Amino acid sequence: MHYIGFTPAERPGDFIIQKGLRMTYLDVVFNYDSPPGERELRAIDGMREVYGIQRVRFNEKDRTVRVQFDASRLKQDAVAKMLRQAGIDVREPMALA
């Protein structure tokens, strides 16, 4: 499992109060076909520059990528677009229970 963490772990849906800002973190999980290589992982690492991306985790066994993001800043479609631009062939998001 690849893990790219940007800050200490937060639970999905947690609210963070920081300098008067209220953020709602959500998780989205996508399936992918090809495992990410070095180039793709470097591009994913660059996502830390995007304000609102909290964490990206790959599960090679299940071939999924989970992204925790600030829903007040980003939409699920924008997260998928960033992953595709990084070279990850993501599919439609999975329903989380």
PDB file of N, CA and C in Angstrom:
ATOM      1  N   MET A   1       0.838  -1.163   0.000  1.00  0.00           N
ATOM      2  CA  MET A   1       0.000   0.000   0.000  1.00  0.00           C
ATOM      3  C   MET A   1       0.890   1.236   0.000  1.00  0.00           C
ATOM      4  N   HIS A   2       0.652   2.133  -0.920  1.00  0.00           N
ATOM      5  CA  HIS A   2       1.366   3.405  -0.958  1.00  0.00           C
ATOM      6  C   HIS A   2       0.566   4.409  -0.145  1.00  0.00           C
ATOM      7  N   TYR A   3       1.249   5.228   0.620  1.00  0.00           N
ATOM      8  CA  TYR A   3       0.583   6.243   1.425  1.00  0.00           C
ATOM      9  C   TYR A   3       1.317   7.555   1.249  1.00  0.00           C
ATOM     10  N   ILE A   4       0.588   8.548   0.864  1.00  0.00           N
ATOM     11  CA  ILE A   4       1.162   9.881   0.755  1.00  0.00           C
ATOM     12  C   ILE A   4       0.352  10.755   1.698  1.00  0.00           C
ATOM     13  N   GLY A   5       0.900  11.057   2.854  1.00  0.00           N
ATOM     14  CA  GLY A   5       0.181  11.848   3.848  1.00  0.00           C
ATOM     15  C   GLY A   5       0.706  13.261   3.884  1.00  0.00           C
ATOM     16  N   PHE A   6      -0.189  14.195   4.031  1.00  0.00           N
ATOM     17  CA  PHE A   6       0.213  15.582   4.036  1.00  0.00           C
ATOM     18  C   PHE A   6       0.142  16.193   5.424  1.00  0.00           C
ATOM     19  N   THR A   7      -0.748  15.694   6.256  1.00  0.00           N
ATOM     20  CA  THR A   7      -0.872  16.171   7.630  1.00  0.00           C
ATOM     21  C   THR A   7      -1.284  14.999   8.496  1.00  0.00           C
ATOM     22  N   PRO A   8      -1.274  15.143   9.820  1.00  0.00           N
ATOM     23  CA  PRO A   8      -1.711  14.045  10.676  1.00  0.00           C
ATOM     24  C   PRO A   8      -3.114  13.563  10.296  1.00  0.00           C
ATOM     25  N   ALA A   9      -3.366  12.291  10.526  1.00  0.00           N
ATOM     26  CA  ALA A   9      -4.620  11.666  10.119  1.00  0.00           C
ATOM     27  C   ALA A   9      -5.825  12.340  10.769  1.00  0.00           C
ATOM     28  N   GLU A  10      -6.833  12.531   9.975  1.00  0.00           N
ATOM     29  CA  GLU A  10      -8.120  13.029  10.440  1.00  0.00           C
ATOM     30  C   GLU A  10      -9.170  12.026   9.984  1.00  0.00           C
ATOM     31  N   ARG A  11     -10.255  11.940  10.686  1.00  0.00           N
ATOM     32  CA  ARG A  11     -11.333  11.046  10.278  1.00  0.00           C
ATOM     33  C   ARG A  11     -12.175  11.730   9.212  1.00  0.00           C
ATOM     34  N   PRO A  12     -12.721  10.958   8.236  1.00  0.00           N
ATOM     35  CA  PRO A  12     -13.578  11.556   7.224  1.00  0.00           C
ATOM     36  C   PRO A  12     -14.741  12.293   7.880  1.00  0.00           C
ATOM     37  N   GLY A  13     -15.032  13.473   7.381  1.00  0.00           N
ATOM     38  CA  GLY A  13     -16.136  14.246   7.901  1.00  0.00           C
ATOM     39  C   GLY A  13     -15.780  15.111   9.092  1.00  0.00           C
ATOM     40  N   ASP A  14     -14.525  15.042   9.567  1.00  0.00           N
ATOM     41  CA  ASP A  14     -14.111  15.884  10.686  1.00  0.00           C
ATOM     42  C   ASP A  14     -14.153  17.347  10.269  1.00  0.00           C
ATOM     43  N   PHE A  15     -14.415  18.176  11.223  1.00  0.00           N
ATOM     44  CA  PHE A  15     -14.358  19.613  11.006  1.00  0.00           C
ATOM     45  C   PHE A  15     -13.079  20.132  11.628  1.00  0.00           C
ATOM     46  N   ILE A  16     -12.373  20.963  10.913  1.00  0.00           N
ATOM     47  CA  ILE A  16     -11.139  21.559  11.393  1.00  0.00           C
ATOM     48  C   ILE A  16     -11.352  23.071  11.456  1.00  0.00           C
ATOM     49  N   ILE A  17     -11.062  23.659  12.583  1.00  0.00           N
ATOM     50  CA  ILE A  17     -11.136  25.109  12.712  1.00  0.00           C
ATOM     51  C   ILE A  17      -9.702  25.624  12.718  1.00  0.00           C
ATOM     52  N   GLN A  18      -9.359  26.442  11.750  1.00  0.00           N
ATOM     53  CA  GLN A  18      -8.003  26.946  11.623  1.00  0.00           C
ATOM     54  C   GLN A  18      -8.069  28.398  11.174  1.00  0.00           C
ATOM     55  N   LYS A  19      -7.662  29.289  12.048  1.00  0.00           N
ATOM     56  CA  LYS A  19      -7.673  30.721  11.742  1.00  0.00           C
ATOM     57  C   LYS A  19      -9.041  31.167  11.244  1.00  0.00           C
ATOM     58  N   GLY A  20     -10.085  30.690  11.902  1.00  0.00           N
ATOM     59  CA  GLY A  20     -11.433  31.104  11.559  1.00  0.00           C
ATOM     60  C   GLY A  20     -12.031  30.391  10.363  1.00  0.00           C
ATOM     61  N   LEU A  21     -11.309  29.463   9.743  1.00  0.00           N
ATOM     62  CA  LEU A  21     -11.828  28.732   8.593  1.00  0.00           C
ATOM     63  C   LEU A  21     -12.418  27.403   9.042  1.00  0.00           C
ATOM     64  N   ARG A  22     -13.525  27.024   8.462  1.00  0.00           N
ATOM     65  CA  ARG A  22     -14.155  25.754   8.779  1.00  0.00           C
ATOM     66  C   ARG A  22     -14.028  24.851   7.548  1.00  0.00           C
ATOM     67  N   MET A  23     -13.432  23.679   7.736  1.00  0.00           N
ATOM     68  CA  MET A  23     -13.206  22.768   6.630  1.00  0.00           C
ATOM     69  C   MET A  23     -13.888  21.437   6.915  1.00  0.00           C
ATOM     70  N   THR A  24     -14.495  20.854   5.909  1.00  0.00           N
ATOM     71  CA  THR A  24     -15.126  19.547   6.022  1.00  0.00           C
ATOM     72  C   THR A  24     -14.354  18.580   5.146  1.00  0.00           C
ATOM     73  N   TYR A  25     -13.702  17.606   5.757  1.00  0.00           N
ATOM     74  CA  TYR A  25     -12.927  16.636   5.000  1.00  0.00           C
ATOM     75  C   TYR A  25     -13.778  15.426   4.651  1.00  0.00           C
ATOM     76  N   LEU A  26     -13.742  15.054   3.379  1.00  0.00           N
ATOM     77  CA  LEU A  26     -14.454  13.892   2.874  1.00  0.00           C
ATOM     78  C   LEU A  26     -13.463  12.965   2.193  1.00  0.00           C
ATOM     79  N   ASP A  27     -13.847  11.706   2.062  1.00  0.00           N
ATOM     80  CA  ASP A  27     -13.056  10.725   1.340  1.00  0.00           C
ATOM     81  C   ASP A  27     -13.781  10.334   0.060  1.00  0.00           C
ATOM     82  N   VAL A  28     -13.003  10.114  -0.987  1.00  0.00           N
ATOM     83  CA  VAL A  28     -13.526   9.545  -2.221  1.00  0.00           C
ATOM     84  C   VAL A  28     -12.568   8.424  -2.617  1.00  0.00           C
ATOM     85  N   VAL A  29     -13.129   7.311  -3.095  1.00  0.00           N
ATOM     86  CA  VAL A  29     -12.330   6.148  -3.485  1.00  0.00           C
ATOM     87  C   VAL A  29     -12.614   5.837  -4.950  1.00  0.00           C
ATOM     88  N   PHE A  30     -11.539   5.665  -5.716  1.00  0.00           N
ATOM     89  CA  PHE A  30     -11.637   5.319  -7.131  1.00  0.00           C
ATOM     90  C   PHE A  30     -10.920   4.000  -7.381  1.00  0.00           C
ATOM     91  N   ASN A  31     -11.441   3.210  -8.313  1.00  0.00           N
ATOM     92  CA  ASN A  31     -10.722   2.037  -8.825  1.00  0.00           C
ATOM     93  C   ASN A  31      -9.767   2.515  -9.913  1.00  0.00           C
ATOM     94  N   TYR A  32      -8.692   1.756 -10.115  1.00  0.00           N
ATOM     95  CA  TYR A  32      -7.782   2.045 -11.221  1.00  0.00           C
ATOM     96  C   TYR A  32      -7.298   0.726 -11.792  1.00  0.00           C
ATOM     97  N   ASP A  33      -6.783   0.754 -13.039  1.00  0.00           N
ATOM     98  CA  ASP A  33      -6.323  -0.463 -13.700  1.00  0.00           C
ATOM     99  C   ASP A  33      -4.831  -0.703 -13.492  1.00  0.00           C
ATOM    100  N   SER A  34      -4.008   0.222 -13.925  1.00  0.00           N
ATOM    101  CA  SER A  34      -2.558   0.049 -13.861  1.00  0.00           C
ATOM    102  C   SER A  34      -2.002   0.618 -12.563  1.00  0.00           C
ATOM    103  N   PRO A  35      -1.137  -0.128 -11.875  1.00  0.00           N
ATOM    104  CA  PRO A  35      -0.532   0.421 -10.661  1.00  0.00           C
ATOM    105  C   PRO A  35       0.340   1.630 -10.993  1.00  0.00           C
ATOM    106  N   PRO A  36       0.378   2.601 -10.097  1.00  0.00           N
ATOM    107  CA  PRO A  36       1.169   3.813 -10.374  1.00  0.00           C
ATOM    108  C   PRO A  36       2.661   3.520 -10.350  1.00  0.00           C
ATOM    109  N   GLY A  37       3.375   4.128 -11.275  1.00  0.00           N
ATOM    110  CA  GLY A  37       4.830   4.023 -11.307  1.00  0.00           C
ATOM    111  C   GLY A  37       5.461   5.211 -10.604  1.00  0.00           C
ATOM    112  N   GLU A  38       6.764   5.301 -10.727  1.00  0.00           N
ATOM    113  CA  GLU A  38       7.494   6.384 -10.061  1.00  0.00           C
ATOM    114  C   GLU A  38       7.041   7.760 -10.553  1.00  0.00           C
ATOM    115  N   ARG A  39       6.857   7.888 -11.851  1.00  0.00           N
ATOM    116  CA  ARG A  39       6.443   9.173 -12.425  1.00  0.00           C
ATOM    117  C   ARG A  39       5.070   9.593 -11.892  1.00  0.00           C
ATOM    118  N   GLU A  40       4.134   8.643 -11.833  1.00  0.00           N
ATOM    119  CA  GLU A  40       2.791   8.946 -11.341  1.00  0.00           C
ATOM    120  C   GLU A  40       2.810   9.302  -9.852  1.00  0.00           C
ATOM    121  N   LEU A  41       3.622   8.581  -9.078  1.00  0.00           N
ATOM    122  CA  LEU A  41       3.699   8.875  -7.647  1.00  0.00           C
ATOM    123  C   LEU A  41       4.319  10.247  -7.383  1.00  0.00           C
ATOM    124  N   ARG A  42       5.274  10.636  -8.218  1.00  0.00           N
ATOM    125  CA  ARG A  42       5.846  11.983  -8.077  1.00  0.00           C
ATOM    126  C   ARG A  42       4.801  13.052  -8.390  1.00  0.00           C
ATOM    127  N   ALA A  43       3.986  12.789  -9.397  1.00  0.00           N
ATOM    128  CA  ALA A  43       2.923  13.740  -9.736  1.00  0.00           C
ATOM    129  C   ALA A  43       1.883  13.804  -8.614  1.00  0.00           C
ATOM    130  N   ILE A  44       1.561  12.672  -8.024  1.00  0.00           N
ATOM    131  CA  ILE A  44       0.622  12.645  -6.894  1.00  0.00           C
ATOM    132  C   ILE A  44       1.216  13.415  -5.722  1.00  0.00           C
ATOM    133  N   ASP A  45       2.507  13.261  -5.501  1.00  0.00           N
ATOM    134  CA  ASP A  45       3.168  13.994  -4.428  1.00  0.00           C
ATOM    135  C   ASP A  45       3.006  15.503  -4.633  1.00  0.00           C
ATOM    136  N   GLY A  46       2.958  15.928  -5.881  1.00  0.00           N
ATOM    137  CA  GLY A  46       2.762  17.330  -6.186  1.00  0.00           C
ATOM    138  C   GLY A  46       1.375  17.838  -5.832  1.00  0.00           C
ATOM    139  N   MET A  47       0.441  16.932  -5.593  1.00  0.00           N
ATOM    140  CA  MET A  47      -0.908  17.346  -5.200  1.00  0.00           C
ATOM    141  C   MET A  47      -0.905  18.029  -3.837  1.00  0.00           C
ATOM    142  N   ARG A  48       0.169  17.868  -3.072  1.00  0.00           N
ATOM    143  CA  ARG A  48       0.228  18.527  -1.765  1.00  0.00           C
ATOM    144  C   ARG A  48       0.195  20.034  -1.911  1.00  0.00           C
ATOM    145  N   GLU A  49       0.523  20.530  -3.102  1.00  0.00           N
ATOM    146  CA  GLU A  49       0.489  21.963  -3.359  1.00  0.00           C
ATOM    147  C   GLU A  49      -0.944  22.483  -3.535  1.00  0.00           C
ATOM    148  N   VAL A  50      -1.874  21.575  -3.755  1.00  0.00           N
ATOM    149  CA  VAL A  50      -3.270  21.967  -3.961  1.00  0.00           C
ATOM    150  C   VAL A  50      -3.925  22.132  -2.597  1.00  0.00           C
ATOM    151  N   TYR A  51      -4.377  23.349  -2.322  1.00  0.00           N
ATOM    152  CA  TYR A  51      -5.029  23.615  -1.048  1.00  0.00           C
ATOM    153  C   TYR A  51      -6.337  22.833  -0.984  1.00  0.00           C
ATOM    154  N   GLY A  52      -6.472  22.007   0.020  1.00  0.00           N
ATOM    155  CA  GLY A  52      -7.687  21.222   0.205  1.00  0.00           C
ATOM    156  C   GLY A  52      -7.451  19.725   0.106  1.00  0.00           C
ATOM    157  N   ILE A  53      -6.349  19.299  -0.494  1.00  0.00           N
ATOM    158  CA  ILE A  53      -6.021  17.871  -0.533  1.00  0.00           C
ATOM    159  C   ILE A  53      -5.347  17.531   0.788  1.00  0.00           C
ATOM    160  N   GLN A  54      -5.916  16.565   1.490  1.00  0.00           N
ATOM    161  CA  GLN A  54      -5.408  16.192   2.803  1.00  0.00           C
ATOM    162  C   GLN A  54      -4.521  14.946   2.748  1.00  0.00           C
ATOM    163  N   ARG A  55      -4.962  13.918   2.026  1.00  0.00           N
ATOM    164  CA  ARG A  55      -4.250  12.646   2.045  1.00  0.00           C
ATOM    165  C   ARG A  55      -4.595  11.844   0.794  1.00  0.00           C
ATOM    166  N   VAL A  56      -3.632  11.074   0.296  1.00  0.00           N
ATOM    167  CA  VAL A  56      -3.836  10.170  -0.838  1.00  0.00           C
ATOM    168  C   VAL A  56      -3.262   8.822  -0.445  1.00  0.00           C
ATOM    169  N   ARG A  57      -4.077   7.764  -0.563  1.00  0.00           N
ATOM    170  CA  ARG A  57      -3.617   6.408  -0.223  1.00  0.00           C
ATOM    171  C   ARG A  57      -3.968   5.449  -1.350  1.00  0.00           C
ATOM    172  N   PHE A  58      -2.995   4.655  -1.764  1.00  0.00           N
ATOM    173  CA  PHE A  58      -3.205   3.609  -2.761  1.00  0.00           C
ATOM    174  C   PHE A  58      -3.283   2.259  -2.062  1.00  0.00           C
ATOM    175  N   ASN A  59      -4.227   1.434  -2.480  1.00  0.00           N
ATOM    176  CA  ASN A  59      -4.319   0.051  -2.028  1.00  0.00           C
ATOM    177  C   ASN A  59      -4.089  -0.818  -3.255  1.00  0.00           C
ATOM    178  N   GLU A  60      -2.866  -1.349  -3.364  1.00  0.00           N
ATOM    179  CA  GLU A  60      -2.505  -2.122  -4.556  1.00  0.00           C
ATOM    180  C   GLU A  60      -3.312  -3.407  -4.670  1.00  0.00           C
ATOM    181  N   LYS A  61      -3.628  -4.037  -3.546  1.00  0.00           N
ATOM    182  CA  LYS A  61      -4.382  -5.292  -3.557  1.00  0.00           C
ATOM    183  C   LYS A  61      -5.770  -5.095  -4.172  1.00  0.00           C
ATOM    184  N   ASP A  62      -6.469  -4.056  -3.721  1.00  0.00           N
ATOM    185  CA  ASP A  62      -7.819  -3.785  -4.216  1.00  0.00           C
ATOM    186  C   ASP A  62      -7.831  -2.891  -5.448  1.00  0.00           C
ATOM    187  N   ARG A  63      -6.647  -2.376  -5.809  1.00  0.00           N
ATOM    188  CA  ARG A  63      -6.514  -1.438  -6.926  1.00  0.00           C
ATOM    189  C   ARG A  63      -7.443  -0.234  -6.757  1.00  0.00           C
ATOM    190  N   THR A  64      -7.306   0.387  -5.590  1.00  0.00           N
ATOM    191  CA  THR A  64      -8.085   1.588  -5.302  1.00  0.00           C
ATOM    192  C   THR A  64      -7.162   2.702  -4.831  1.00  0.00           C
ATOM    193  N   VAL A  65      -7.631   3.919  -5.013  1.00  0.00           N
ATOM    194  CA  VAL A  65      -6.943   5.089  -4.475  1.00  0.00           C
ATOM    195  C   VAL A  65      -7.991   5.878  -3.690  1.00  0.00           C
ATOM    196  N   ARG A  66      -7.643   6.219  -2.453  1.00  0.00           N
ATOM    197  CA  ARG A  66      -8.532   6.982  -1.564  1.00  0.00           C
ATOM    198  C   ARG A  66      -7.914   8.355  -1.350  1.00  0.00           C
ATOM    199  N   VAL A  67      -8.716   9.386  -1.587  1.00  0.00           N
ATOM    200  CA  VAL A  67      -8.258  10.758  -1.414  1.00  0.00           C
ATOM    201  C   VAL A  67      -9.151  11.437  -0.385  1.00  0.00           C
ATOM    202  N   GLN A  68      -8.525  12.018   0.627  1.00  0.00           N
ATOM    203  CA  GLN A  68      -9.254  12.827   1.596  1.00  0.00           C
ATOM    204  C   GLN A  68      -9.063  14.282   1.187  1.00  0.00           C
ATOM    205  N   PHE A  69     -10.175  15.015   1.080  1.00  0.00           N
ATOM    206  CA  PHE A  69     -10.103  16.391   0.592  1.00  0.00           C
ATOM    207  C   PHE A  69     -11.088  17.278   1.332  1.00  0.00           C
ATOM    208  N   ASP A  70     -10.856  18.579   1.245  1.00  0.00           N
ATOM    209  CA  ASP A  70     -11.715  19.578   1.851  1.00  0.00           C
ATOM    210  C   ASP A  70     -12.871  19.862   0.900  1.00  0.00           C
ATOM    211  N   ALA A  71     -14.067  19.426   1.289  1.00  0.00           N
ATOM    212  CA  ALA A  71     -15.240  19.565   0.429  1.00  0.00           C
ATOM    213  C   ALA A  71     -15.686  21.014   0.269  1.00  0.00           C
ATOM    214  N   SER A  72     -15.219  21.899   1.137  1.00  0.00           N
ATOM    215  CA  SER A  72     -15.574  23.309   0.972  1.00  0.00           C
ATOM    216  C   SER A  72     -14.688  23.981  -0.083  1.00  0.00           C
ATOM    217  N   ARG A  73     -13.622  23.319  -0.495  1.00  0.00           N
ATOM    218  CA  ARG A  73     -12.694  23.874  -1.490  1.00  0.00           C
ATOM    219  C   ARG A  73     -12.738  23.134  -2.826  1.00  0.00           C
ATOM    220  N   LEU A  74     -12.948  21.828  -2.775  1.00  0.00           N
ATOM    221  CA  LEU A  74     -12.873  20.988  -3.978  1.00  0.00           C
ATOM    222  C   LEU A  74     -14.108  20.118  -4.122  1.00  0.00           C
ATOM    223  N   LYS A  75     -14.360  19.706  -5.327  1.00  0.00           N
ATOM    224  CA  LYS A  75     -15.416  18.748  -5.630  1.00  0.00           C
ATOM    225  C   LYS A  75     -14.771  17.425  -6.018  1.00  0.00           C
ATOM    226  N   GLN A  76     -15.544  16.370  -5.931  1.00  0.00           N
ATOM    227  CA  GLN A  76     -15.077  15.029  -6.272  1.00  0.00           C
ATOM    228  C   GLN A  76     -14.550  14.966  -7.706  1.00  0.00           C
ATOM    229  N   ASP A  77     -15.215  15.647  -8.630  1.00  0.00           N
ATOM    230  CA  ASP A  77     -14.775  15.657 -10.030  1.00  0.00           C
ATOM    231  C   ASP A  77     -13.401  16.303 -10.187  1.00  0.00           C
ATOM    232  N   ALA A  78     -13.132  17.341  -9.402  1.00  0.00           N
ATOM    233  CA  ALA A  78     -11.826  18.002  -9.463  1.00  0.00           C
ATOM    234  C   ALA A  78     -10.728  17.082  -8.957  1.00  0.00           C
ATOM    235  N   VAL A  79     -11.033  16.284  -7.930  1.00  0.00           N
ATOM    236  CA  VAL A  79     -10.061  15.318  -7.409  1.00  0.00           C
ATOM    237  C   VAL A  79      -9.758  14.268  -8.478  1.00  0.00           C
ATOM    238  N   ALA A  80     -10.799  13.758  -9.134  1.00  0.00           N
ATOM    239  CA  ALA A  80     -10.601  12.766 -10.199  1.00  0.00           C
ATOM    240  C   ALA A  80      -9.761  13.350 -11.329  1.00  0.00           C
ATOM    241  N   LYS A  81     -10.013  14.598 -11.680  1.00  0.00           N
ATOM    242  CA  LYS A  81      -9.255  15.246 -12.753  1.00  0.00           C
ATOM    243  C   LYS A  81      -7.778  15.355 -12.397  1.00  0.00           C
ATOM    244  N   MET A  82      -7.483  15.716 -11.137  1.00  0.00           N
ATOM    245  CA  MET A  82      -6.083  15.804 -10.703  1.00  0.00           C
ATOM    246  C   MET A  82      -5.389  14.447 -10.776  1.00  0.00           C
ATOM    247  N   LEU A  83      -6.095  13.393 -10.381  1.00  0.00           N
ATOM    248  CA  LEU A  83      -5.512  12.051 -10.449  1.00  0.00           C
ATOM    249  C   LEU A  83      -5.241  11.658 -11.896  1.00  0.00           C
ATOM    250  N   ARG A  84      -6.171  11.956 -12.782  1.00  0.00           N
ATOM    251  CA  ARG A  84      -5.974  11.637 -14.201  1.00  0.00           C
ATOM    252  C   ARG A  84      -4.810  12.426 -14.779  1.00  0.00           C
ATOM    253  N   GLN A  85      -4.690  13.699 -14.406  1.00  0.00           N
ATOM    254  CA  GLN A  85      -3.573  14.516 -14.889  1.00  0.00           C
ATOM    255  C   GLN A  85      -2.239  13.982 -14.380  1.00  0.00           C
ATOM    256  N   ALA A  86      -2.261  13.300 -13.234  1.00  0.00           N
ATOM    257  CA  ALA A  86      -1.045  12.699 -12.688  1.00  0.00           C
ATOM    258  C   ALA A  86      -0.719  11.367 -13.364  1.00  0.00           C
ATOM    259  N   GLY A  87      -1.631  10.881 -14.208  1.00  0.00           N
ATOM    260  CA  GLY A  87      -1.373   9.640 -14.925  1.00  0.00           C
ATOM    261  C   GLY A  87      -2.050   8.416 -14.347  1.00  0.00           C
ATOM    262  N   ILE A  88      -2.953   8.599 -13.398  1.00  0.00           N
ATOM    263  CA  ILE A  88      -3.684   7.477 -12.802  1.00  0.00           C
ATOM    264  C   ILE A  88      -4.981   7.304 -13.580  1.00  0.00           C
ATOM    265  N   ASP A  89      -5.231   6.085 -14.058  1.00  0.00           N
ATOM    266  CA  ASP A  89      -6.425   5.820 -14.875  1.00  0.00           C
ATOM    267  C   ASP A  89      -7.617   5.475 -13.975  1.00  0.00           C
ATOM    268  N   VAL A  90      -8.134   6.487 -13.282  1.00  0.00           N
ATOM    269  CA  VAL A  90      -9.232   6.259 -12.344  1.00  0.00           C
ATOM    270  C   VAL A  90     -10.548   6.072 -13.082  1.00  0.00           C
ATOM    271  N   ARG A  91     -11.410   5.305 -12.463  1.00  0.00           N
ATOM    272  CA  ARG A  91     -12.775   5.053 -12.972  1.00  0.00           C
ATOM    273  C   ARG A  91     -13.749   5.890 -12.146  1.00  0.00           C
ATOM    274  N   GLU A  92     -15.018   5.555 -12.262  1.00  0.00           N
ATOM    275  CA  GLU A  92     -16.043   6.231 -11.474  1.00  0.00           C
ATOM    276  C   GLU A  92     -15.790   5.988  -9.985  1.00  0.00           C
ATOM    277  N   PRO A  93     -16.168   6.940  -9.125  1.00  0.00           N
ATOM    278  CA  PRO A  93     -15.949   6.755  -7.685  1.00  0.00           C
ATOM    279  C   PRO A  93     -16.789   5.617  -7.141  1.00  0.00           C
ATOM    280  N   MET A  94     -16.256   4.955  -6.140  1.00  0.00           N
ATOM    281  CA  MET A  94     -16.957   3.860  -5.476  1.00  0.00           C
ATOM    282  C   MET A  94     -17.873   4.436  -4.407  1.00  0.00           C
ATOM    283  N   ALA A  95     -18.961   3.732  -4.132  1.00  0.00           N
ATOM    284  CA  ALA A  95     -19.847   4.129  -3.040  1.00  0.00           C
ATOM    285  C   ALA A  95     -19.226   3.690  -1.723  1.00  0.00           C
ATOM    286  N   LEU A  96     -19.112   4.614  -0.791  1.00  0.00           N
ATOM    287  CA  LEU A  96     -18.550   4.293   0.511  1.00  0.00           C
ATOM    288  C   LEU A  96     -19.678   3.987   1.479  1.00  0.00           C
ATOM    289  N   ALA A  97     -19.501   2.944   2.254  1.00  0.00           N
ATOM    290  CA  ALA A  97     -20.541   2.557   3.225  1.00  0.00           C
ATOM    291  C   ALA A  97     -20.421   3.346   4.492  1.00  0.00           C
TER     292      ALA A  97
END
